[in-house]
Amino acid sequence: MLKRLLKILLILIIIIAIGGVYLYFRLHNNIENVLETKNDWRSEVLEFPLIFAGDLKYEGEEHIRFAPGWGEKDSKDYFSYVFLWMIKKDPNLNSSELEGIMNIYFDGLMNTGAITNFSFFKKIPETKSSLQQTDKNTFEGSIELYDEFFKKELIVLNAKIKSEYCPVRKKYLVWFYLSPQEKNHQIWNQFIEINLNIKCH
């Protein structure tokens, strides 16, 4: 019996080790971030399919910029960040589809967070998104999600999402601006200052 348990434990350790190596190489690539921000905004670039949201069937990249206090639960910048999808095909977004996308995205992210925290059997509350179209290619609303990384509780992010086409790169761009702060907070002015370091027109 003891030998069998040790064998199972060894297999689990090997699986976790392989998964850790896979995650490391997926998260550490040499792709340049196309989002231009101040130096204290942390940078990350992911490739599709996203390791935590494989159900999102896009081809391309996700470019992310985290506000300086993103990971500090008592900071005014807490969970405030911008990410940009550069994808090959037109996503043809509408409010309902975007809500589904955000639910898949954050459910996957937080469940992956639970696994990396070794909380394998933790039940993560489902994400609930509410988005409305405010302009031709712009959507605004809120996303209620469980923060598995920092607060370990439900939080609400205010969201602004817009899309455009980049003819120079022949890619569709989808911008996501997210923060628990209300739209009159200074963080939203900082979001506006984030630009592309590539030409699109």
C-alpha atoms as a PDB file:
ATOM      1  CA  MET A   1       0.000   0.000   0.000  1.00  0.00           C
ATOM      2  CA  LEU A   2       2.816   2.395   0.946  1.00  0.00           C
ATOM      3  CA  LYS A   3       4.671   1.644  -2.282  1.00  0.00           C
ATOM      4  CA  ARG A   4       1.535   2.373  -4.293  1.00  0.00           C
ATOM      5  CA  LEU A   5       1.029   5.740  -2.532  1.00  0.00           C
ATOM      6  CA  LEU A   6       4.662   6.658  -3.123  1.00  0.00           C
ATOM      7  CA  LYS A   7       4.285   5.761  -6.793  1.00  0.00           C
ATOM      8  CA  ILE A   8       1.167   7.940  -7.134  1.00  0.00           C
ATOM      9  CA  LEU A   9       2.948  10.792  -5.328  1.00  0.00           C
ATOM     10  CA  LEU A  10       5.944  10.480  -7.645  1.00  0.00           C
ATOM     11  CA  ILE A  11       3.692  10.584 -10.709  1.00  0.00           C
ATOM     12  CA  LEU A  12       1.965  13.708  -9.364  1.00  0.00           C
ATOM     13  CA  ILE A  13       5.318  15.401  -8.728  1.00  0.00           C
ATOM     14  CA  ILE A  14       6.454  14.584 -12.273  1.00  0.00           C
ATOM     15  CA  ILE A  15       3.200  15.923 -13.765  1.00  0.00           C
ATOM     16  CA  ILE A  16       3.468  19.140 -11.723  1.00  0.00           C
ATOM     17  CA  ALA A  17       7.136  19.536 -12.712  1.00  0.00           C
ATOM     18  CA  ILE A  18       6.351  19.072 -16.411  1.00  0.00           C
ATOM     19  CA  GLY A  19       3.464  21.514 -16.104  1.00  0.00           C
ATOM     20  CA  GLY A  20       5.708  24.031 -14.369  1.00  0.00           C
ATOM     21  CA  VAL A  21       8.329  23.817 -17.119  1.00  0.00           C
ATOM     22  CA  TYR A  22       5.615  24.181 -19.777  1.00  0.00           C
ATOM     23  CA  LEU A  23       4.160  27.239 -18.044  1.00  0.00           C
ATOM     24  CA  TYR A  24       7.601  28.807 -17.690  1.00  0.00           C
ATOM     25  CA  PHE A  25       8.400  28.576 -21.383  1.00  0.00           C
ATOM     26  CA  ARG A  26       4.897  29.732 -22.400  1.00  0.00           C
ATOM     27  CA  LEU A  27       5.204  32.787 -20.150  1.00  0.00           C
ATOM     28  CA  HIS A  28       8.820  33.642 -20.998  1.00  0.00           C
ATOM     29  CA  ASN A  29       9.049  34.364 -24.708  1.00  0.00           C
ATOM     30  CA  ASN A  30      11.013  36.903 -26.717  1.00  0.00           C
ATOM     31  CA  ILE A  31       8.019  38.725 -28.215  1.00  0.00           C
ATOM     32  CA  GLU A  32       8.308  42.503 -27.886  1.00  0.00           C
ATOM     33  CA  ASN A  33       5.400  44.204 -26.145  1.00  0.00           C
ATOM     34  CA  VAL A  34       3.732  46.647 -28.543  1.00  0.00           C
ATOM     35  CA  LEU A  35       2.169  48.653 -25.691  1.00  0.00           C
ATOM     36  CA  GLU A  36       4.210  51.726 -24.796  1.00  0.00           C
ATOM     37  CA  THR A  37       3.942  52.831 -21.153  1.00  0.00           C
ATOM     38  CA  LYS A  38       5.986  54.266 -18.324  1.00  0.00           C
ATOM     39  CA  ASN A  39       8.891  52.074 -17.192  1.00  0.00           C
ATOM     40  CA  ASP A  40       7.229  51.110 -13.913  1.00  0.00           C
ATOM     41  CA  TRP A  41       4.369  49.336 -15.702  1.00  0.00           C
ATOM     42  CA  ARG A  42       5.179  45.616 -15.802  1.00  0.00           C
ATOM     43  CA  SER A  43       5.147  43.948 -19.203  1.00  0.00           C
ATOM     44  CA  GLU A  44       3.985  40.514 -20.293  1.00  0.00           C
ATOM     45  CA  VAL A  45       3.202  38.941 -23.663  1.00  0.00           C
ATOM     46  CA  LEU A  46       1.269  35.692 -24.126  1.00  0.00           C
ATOM     47  CA  GLU A  47       0.520  33.684 -27.236  1.00  0.00           C
ATOM     48  CA  PHE A  48      -2.797  32.154 -28.241  1.00  0.00           C
ATOM     49  CA  PRO A  49      -4.075  29.658 -27.370  1.00  0.00           C
ATOM     50  CA  LEU A  50      -3.877  31.137 -23.874  1.00  0.00           C
ATOM     51  CA  ILE A  51      -2.690  28.537 -21.369  1.00  0.00           C
ATOM     52  CA  PHE A  52      -5.537  29.362 -18.988  1.00  0.00           C
ATOM     53  CA  ALA A  53      -8.298  29.916 -21.564  1.00  0.00           C
ATOM     54  CA  GLY A  54      -7.792  27.422 -24.360  1.00  0.00           C
ATOM     55  CA  ASP A  55     -11.477  27.645 -25.335  1.00  0.00           C
ATOM     56  CA  LEU A  56     -10.812  31.061 -26.878  1.00  0.00           C
ATOM     57  CA  LYS A  57     -10.028  29.972 -30.418  1.00  0.00           C
ATOM     58  CA  TYR A  58      -7.937  32.878 -31.641  1.00  0.00           C
ATOM     59  CA  GLU A  59      -4.535  33.041 -33.304  1.00  0.00           C
ATOM     60  CA  GLY A  60      -2.201  35.809 -32.240  1.00  0.00           C
ATOM     61  CA  GLU A  61      -0.829  37.439 -29.124  1.00  0.00           C
ATOM     62  CA  GLU A  62      -1.917  39.136 -25.917  1.00  0.00           C
ATOM     63  CA  HIS A  63       0.167  42.158 -24.902  1.00  0.00           C
ATOM     64  CA  ILE A  64      -0.266  43.197 -21.261  1.00  0.00           C
ATOM     65  CA  ARG A  65       0.744  46.213 -19.159  1.00  0.00           C
ATOM     66  CA  PHE A  66       0.161  46.104 -15.419  1.00  0.00           C
ATOM     67  CA  ALA A  67      -0.126  49.295 -13.355  1.00  0.00           C
ATOM     68  CA  PRO A  68       2.626  49.539 -10.701  1.00  0.00           C
ATOM     69  CA  GLY A  69       0.297  48.546  -7.846  1.00  0.00           C
ATOM     70  CA  TRP A  70      -1.576  45.843  -9.762  1.00  0.00           C
ATOM     71  CA  GLY A  71      -0.672  43.048  -7.378  1.00  0.00           C
ATOM     72  CA  GLU A  72      -1.048  45.052  -4.152  1.00  0.00           C
ATOM     73  CA  LYS A  73      -4.547  44.685  -2.722  1.00  0.00           C
ATOM     74  CA  ASP A  74      -4.395  47.999  -0.807  1.00  0.00           C
ATOM     75  CA  SER A  75      -2.981  50.010  -3.710  1.00  0.00           C
ATOM     76  CA  LYS A  76      -5.004  52.535  -5.722  1.00  0.00           C
ATOM     77  CA  ASP A  77      -3.699  50.673  -8.805  1.00  0.00           C
ATOM     78  CA  TYR A  78      -4.850  47.274  -7.562  1.00  0.00           C
ATOM     79  CA  PHE A  79      -5.928  45.003 -10.433  1.00  0.00           C
ATOM     80  CA  SER A  80      -5.700  47.901 -12.895  1.00  0.00           C
ATOM     81  CA  TYR A  81      -4.230  46.897 -16.209  1.00  0.00           C
ATOM     82  CA  VAL A  82      -4.512  47.022 -19.968  1.00  0.00           C
ATOM     83  CA  PHE A  83      -4.183  44.164 -22.393  1.00  0.00           C
ATOM     84  CA  LEU A  84      -4.352  44.088 -26.157  1.00  0.00           C
ATOM     85  CA  TRP A  85      -5.181  41.182 -28.397  1.00  0.00           C
ATOM     86  CA  MET A  86      -3.499  41.161 -31.804  1.00  0.00           C
ATOM     87  CA  ILE A  87      -5.351  38.421 -33.660  1.00  0.00           C
ATOM     88  CA  LYS A  88      -5.548  37.205 -37.232  1.00  0.00           C
ATOM     89  CA  LYS A  89      -9.309  37.006 -37.782  1.00  0.00           C
ATOM     90  CA  ASP A  90     -12.084  39.517 -37.196  1.00  0.00           C
ATOM     91  CA  PRO A  91     -13.676  38.559 -33.836  1.00  0.00           C
ATOM     92  CA  ASN A  92     -16.998  40.198 -34.844  1.00  0.00           C
ATOM     93  CA  LEU A  93     -17.697  41.225 -31.280  1.00  0.00           C
ATOM     94  CA  ASN A  94     -21.040  42.028 -29.705  1.00  0.00           C
ATOM     95  CA  SER A  95     -22.069  42.527 -26.077  1.00  0.00           C
ATOM     96  CA  SER A  96     -23.262  38.980 -25.480  1.00  0.00           C
ATOM     97  CA  GLU A  97     -20.207  37.388 -27.076  1.00  0.00           C
ATOM     98  CA  LEU A  98     -17.848  39.653 -25.143  1.00  0.00           C
ATOM     99  CA  GLU A  99     -19.520  38.729 -21.870  1.00  0.00           C
ATOM    100  CA  GLY A 100     -18.942  35.072 -22.682  1.00  0.00           C
ATOM    101  CA  ILE A 101     -15.309  35.760 -23.624  1.00  0.00           C
ATOM    102  CA  MET A 102     -14.623  37.587 -20.367  1.00  0.00           C
ATOM    103  CA  ASN A 103     -16.293  34.833 -18.335  1.00  0.00           C
ATOM    104  CA  ILE A 104     -14.141  32.164 -20.007  1.00  0.00           C
ATOM    105  CA  TYR A 105     -11.022  34.311 -19.658  1.00  0.00           C
ATOM    106  CA  PHE A 106     -11.298  35.067 -15.945  1.00  0.00           C
ATOM    107  CA  ASP A 107     -12.753  31.699 -14.927  1.00  0.00           C
ATOM    108  CA  GLY A 108      -9.774  30.059 -16.607  1.00  0.00           C
ATOM    109  CA  LEU A 109      -7.294  32.513 -15.107  1.00  0.00           C
ATOM    110  CA  MET A 110      -8.560  32.122 -11.547  1.00  0.00           C
ATOM    111  CA  ASN A 111      -8.898  28.351 -11.716  1.00  0.00           C
ATOM    112  CA  THR A 112      -5.323  28.184 -13.003  1.00  0.00           C
ATOM    113  CA  GLY A 113      -4.367  30.440 -10.092  1.00  0.00           C
ATOM    114  CA  ALA A 114      -5.969  27.974  -7.688  1.00  0.00           C
ATOM    115  CA  ILE A 115      -3.910  25.137  -9.170  1.00  0.00           C
ATOM    116  CA  THR A 116      -0.650  27.101  -8.923  1.00  0.00           C
ATOM    117  CA  ASN A 117      -1.573  27.820  -5.294  1.00  0.00           C
ATOM    118  CA  PHE A 118      -1.990  24.036  -4.805  1.00  0.00           C
ATOM    119  CA  SER A 119      -5.713  24.513  -4.095  1.00  0.00           C
ATOM    120  CA  PHE A 120      -6.628  21.694  -6.474  1.00  0.00           C
ATOM    121  CA  PHE A 121     -10.176  21.191  -5.250  1.00  0.00           C
ATOM    122  CA  LYS A 122     -11.111  24.804  -4.550  1.00  0.00           C
ATOM    123  CA  LYS A 123     -14.444  25.883  -6.000  1.00  0.00           C
ATOM    124  CA  ILE A 124     -13.898  29.245  -7.688  1.00  0.00           C
ATOM    125  CA  PRO A 125     -17.079  31.370  -8.054  1.00  0.00           C
ATOM    126  CA  GLU A 126     -18.007  31.925 -11.690  1.00  0.00           C
ATOM    127  CA  THR A 127     -17.287  35.236 -13.381  1.00  0.00           C
ATOM    128  CA  LYS A 128     -20.303  37.400 -14.236  1.00  0.00           C
ATOM    129  CA  SER A 129     -19.840  40.019 -16.947  1.00  0.00           C
ATOM    130  CA  SER A 130     -22.255  42.771 -17.931  1.00  0.00           C
ATOM    131  CA  LEU A 131     -21.262  44.761 -21.026  1.00  0.00           C
ATOM    132  CA  GLN A 132     -23.110  47.181 -23.277  1.00  0.00           C
ATOM    133  CA  GLN A 133     -22.155  48.604 -26.654  1.00  0.00           C
ATOM    134  CA  THR A 134     -21.607  52.358 -26.324  1.00  0.00           C
ATOM    135  CA  ASP A 135     -20.224  53.077 -29.802  1.00  0.00           C
ATOM    136  CA  LYS A 136     -19.606  51.265 -33.080  1.00  0.00           C
ATOM    137  CA  ASN A 137     -16.563  49.374 -31.797  1.00  0.00           C
ATOM    138  CA  THR A 138     -16.674  50.190 -28.069  1.00  0.00           C
ATOM    139  CA  PHE A 139     -18.176  48.338 -25.109  1.00  0.00           C
ATOM    140  CA  GLU A 140     -18.367  49.289 -21.437  1.00  0.00           C
ATOM    141  CA  GLY A 141     -19.604  47.642 -18.283  1.00  0.00           C
ATOM    142  CA  SER A 142     -18.451  45.576 -15.329  1.00  0.00           C
ATOM    143  CA  ILE A 143     -16.941  42.174 -14.596  1.00  0.00           C
ATOM    144  CA  GLU A 144     -17.510  40.462 -11.263  1.00  0.00           C
ATOM    145  CA  LEU A 145     -14.801  37.877 -10.621  1.00  0.00           C
ATOM    146  CA  TYR A 146     -13.096  36.023  -7.817  1.00  0.00           C
ATOM    147  CA  ASP A 147      -9.550  37.252  -7.152  1.00  0.00           C
ATOM    148  CA  GLU A 148      -7.668  34.040  -6.392  1.00  0.00           C
ATOM    149  CA  PHE A 149      -4.280  35.761  -6.508  1.00  0.00           C
ATOM    150  CA  PHE A 150      -4.483  38.543  -3.936  1.00  0.00           C
ATOM    151  CA  LYS A 151      -7.726  39.311  -2.078  1.00  0.00           C
ATOM    152  CA  LYS A 152      -9.245  35.827  -2.187  1.00  0.00           C
ATOM    153  CA  GLU A 153     -12.700  37.346  -2.596  1.00  0.00           C
ATOM    154  CA  LEU A 154     -15.121  38.627  -5.217  1.00  0.00           C
ATOM    155  CA  ILE A 155     -14.186  41.918  -6.835  1.00  0.00           C
ATOM    156  CA  VAL A 156     -15.790  44.068  -9.534  1.00  0.00           C
ATOM    157  CA  LEU A 157     -13.755  45.479 -12.410  1.00  0.00           C
ATOM    158  CA  ASN A 158     -15.000  48.383 -14.495  1.00  0.00           C
ATOM    159  CA  ALA A 159     -14.283  47.611 -18.124  1.00  0.00           C
ATOM    160  CA  LYS A 160     -13.858  49.409 -21.412  1.00  0.00           C
ATOM    161  CA  ILE A 161     -13.228  47.318 -24.512  1.00  0.00           C
ATOM    162  CA  LYS A 162     -12.684  48.586 -28.035  1.00  0.00           C
ATOM    163  CA  SER A 163     -11.650  47.035 -31.320  1.00  0.00           C
ATOM    164  CA  GLU A 164      -9.966  48.239 -34.492  1.00  0.00           C
ATOM    165  CA  TYR A 165      -8.152  46.928 -37.546  1.00  0.00           C
ATOM    166  CA  CYS A 166      -4.429  47.389 -38.106  1.00  0.00           C
ATOM    167  CA  PRO A 167      -3.941  47.315 -41.905  1.00  0.00           C
ATOM    168  CA  VAL A 168      -0.141  47.553 -41.695  1.00  0.00           C
ATOM    169  CA  ARG A 169       0.088  44.349 -39.632  1.00  0.00           C
ATOM    170  CA  LYS A 170      -3.124  42.886 -41.088  1.00  0.00           C
ATOM    171  CA  LYS A 171      -4.294  42.131 -37.559  1.00  0.00           C
ATOM    172  CA  TYR A 172      -7.420  42.871 -35.561  1.00  0.00           C
ATOM    173  CA  LEU A 173      -6.762  44.706 -32.313  1.00  0.00           C
ATOM    174  CA  VAL A 174      -8.979  44.351 -29.244  1.00  0.00           C
ATOM    175  CA  TRP A 175      -8.140  46.676 -26.333  1.00  0.00           C
ATOM    176  CA  PHE A 176      -9.181  45.802 -22.775  1.00  0.00           C
ATOM    177  CA  TYR A 177      -9.009  48.476 -20.038  1.00  0.00           C
ATOM    178  CA  LEU A 178      -9.815  47.097 -16.588  1.00  0.00           C
ATOM    179  CA  SER A 179      -9.831  48.550 -13.082  1.00  0.00           C
ATOM    180  CA  PRO A 180     -11.888  48.391  -9.877  1.00  0.00           C
ATOM    181  CA  GLN A 181     -11.636  52.194  -9.846  1.00  0.00           C
ATOM    182  CA  GLU A 182     -14.497  54.318 -11.185  1.00  0.00           C
ATOM    183  CA  LYS A 183     -14.088  56.013 -14.573  1.00  0.00           C
ATOM    184  CA  ASN A 184     -13.301  59.408 -12.982  1.00  0.00           C
ATOM    185  CA  HIS A 185     -10.195  58.007 -11.256  1.00  0.00           C
ATOM    186  CA  GLN A 186      -6.766  59.056 -12.528  1.00  0.00           C
ATOM    187  CA  ILE A 187      -5.883  55.495 -13.556  1.00  0.00           C
ATOM    188  CA  TRP A 188      -8.237  55.840 -16.525  1.00  0.00           C
ATOM    189  CA  ASN A 189      -6.287  58.902 -17.698  1.00  0.00           C
ATOM    190  CA  GLN A 190      -3.142  56.790 -17.526  1.00  0.00           C
ATOM    191  CA  PHE A 191      -4.844  54.116 -19.627  1.00  0.00           C
ATOM    192  CA  ILE A 192      -5.488  56.684 -22.359  1.00  0.00           C
ATOM    193  CA  GLU A 193      -1.765  57.491 -22.468  1.00  0.00           C
ATOM    194  CA  ILE A 194      -0.870  53.915 -23.391  1.00  0.00           C
ATOM    195  CA  ASN A 195       0.011  53.783 -27.084  1.00  0.00           C
ATOM    196  CA  LEU A 196       1.200  51.316 -29.686  1.00  0.00           C
ATOM    197  CA  ASN A 197       4.897  51.377 -30.531  1.00  0.00           C
ATOM    198  CA  ILE A 198       4.101  50.065 -34.022  1.00  0.00           C
ATOM    199  CA  LYS A 199       2.494  51.751 -37.006  1.00  0.00           C
ATOM    200  CA  CYS A 200      -1.023  50.722 -37.981  1.00  0.00           C
ATOM    201  CA  HIS A 201      -1.970  53.396 -40.515  1.00  0.00           C
END
